Amino acid sequence: MGYPGGFTYVSGPVKYVLSTLSSTATVRARNPVTLSDDRTVIEAASDTSFIYGIAAHDAADSIVAGRILVEIPTPETV
């Protein structure tokens, strides 16, 4: 990971989307996530060409089982 401790929100508008996790996902908080072929959230890999957003919490700490909050930045987000 290029940024120690994951990505950090600084300022600007952002929205949160409650998204479905892939059944095998082990997403960590503040790491970039993408969508798998079945449109479920997985952690982005080094060969990922599209970032869906930033994980707001660990997959193990899901608010709703099998779901995760994803922070979606806007063009004005730093």
Protein backbone atom coordinates (compact mmCIF):
# COMPACT_ATOMS: atom_id res chain seq x y z
CA MET A 1 0.00 0.00 0.00
CA GLY A 2 1.39 3.37 -1.00
CA TYR A 3 -0.04 5.41 1.90
CA PRO A 4 0.74 4.22 5.46
CA GLY A 5 -2.44 3.35 7.34
CA GLY A 6 -4.65 3.57 4.24
CA PHE A 7 -6.33 6.54 2.61
CA THR A 8 -7.52 9.36 4.82
CA TYR A 9 -10.39 11.76 4.16
CA VAL A 10 -9.23 15.40 4.37
CA SER A 11 -11.99 17.72 3.17
CA GLY A 12 -14.77 18.24 0.65
CA PRO A 13 -18.06 16.51 -0.10
CA VAL A 14 -18.23 12.75 0.16
CA LYS A 15 -21.06 10.24 0.25
CA TYR A 16 -21.35 6.84 1.88
CA VAL A 17 -22.99 3.88 0.15
CA LEU A 18 -24.00 0.68 1.98
CA SER A 19 -22.70 -1.96 -0.44
CA THR A 20 -22.81 -5.74 -0.56
CA LEU A 21 -19.55 -7.55 0.19
CA SER A 22 -18.30 -10.46 -1.84
CA SER A 23 -18.69 -13.67 0.15
CA THR A 24 -14.89 -14.08 0.24
CA ALA A 25 -14.02 -10.43 0.94
CA THR A 26 -11.63 -9.53 3.75
CA VAL A 27 -11.70 -5.78 3.19
CA ARG A 28 -9.72 -3.58 5.58
CA ALA A 29 -10.75 -0.07 6.66
CA ARG A 30 -9.41 2.87 4.59
CA ASN A 31 -8.27 0.67 1.70
CA PRO A 32 -9.50 1.19 -1.87
CA VAL A 33 -12.22 -1.18 -3.02
CA THR A 34 -13.62 -2.12 -6.40
CA LEU A 35 -16.54 -4.14 -7.73
CA SER A 36 -16.24 -7.78 -8.75
CA ASP A 37 -17.98 -9.23 -11.81
CA ASP A 38 -21.16 -9.82 -9.80
CA ARG A 39 -21.12 -6.17 -8.56
CA THR A 40 -20.10 -7.00 -4.99
CA VAL A 41 -17.32 -5.16 -3.16
CA ILE A 42 -13.79 -6.59 -3.03
CA GLU A 43 -10.48 -5.03 -2.02
CA ALA A 44 -8.64 -3.45 -4.95
CA ALA A 45 -5.50 -5.21 -6.17
CA SER A 46 -2.40 -3.81 -7.86
CA ASP A 47 -3.87 -4.57 -11.30
CA THR A 48 -7.25 -2.91 -10.60
CA SER A 49 -8.25 -0.41 -13.27
CA PHE A 50 -11.34 1.03 -11.49
CA ILE A 51 -11.68 2.15 -7.86
CA TYR A 52 -15.25 2.16 -6.55
CA GLY A 53 -14.38 3.95 -3.30
CA ILE A 54 -12.66 3.64 0.08
CA ALA A 55 -13.76 1.12 2.73
CA ALA A 56 -15.13 2.98 5.77
CA HIS A 57 -14.52 0.04 8.14
CA ASP A 58 -13.18 -3.53 8.25
CA ALA A 59 -15.39 -6.22 6.70
CA ALA A 60 -15.35 -8.00 10.08
CA ASP A 61 -16.95 -4.92 11.67
CA SER A 62 -19.93 -4.78 9.30
CA ILE A 63 -22.91 -2.79 10.54
CA VAL A 64 -25.18 -5.19 8.65
CA ALA A 65 -23.92 -8.73 7.97
CA GLY A 66 -22.50 -8.99 4.46
CA ARG A 67 -22.58 -5.22 3.86
CA ILE A 68 -19.96 -2.47 4.15
CA LEU A 69 -20.01 1.32 4.08
CA VAL A 70 -17.98 2.62 1.15
CA GLU A 71 -16.84 6.24 1.03
CA ILE A 72 -17.37 7.62 -2.46
CA PRO A 73 -15.27 10.75 -3.11
CA THR A 74 -16.44 13.49 -5.45
CA PRO A 75 -14.27 15.64 -7.73
CA GLU A 76 -14.07 18.21 -4.90
CA THR A 77 -12.86 15.70 -2.27
CA VAL A 78 -9.24 15.89 -1.12
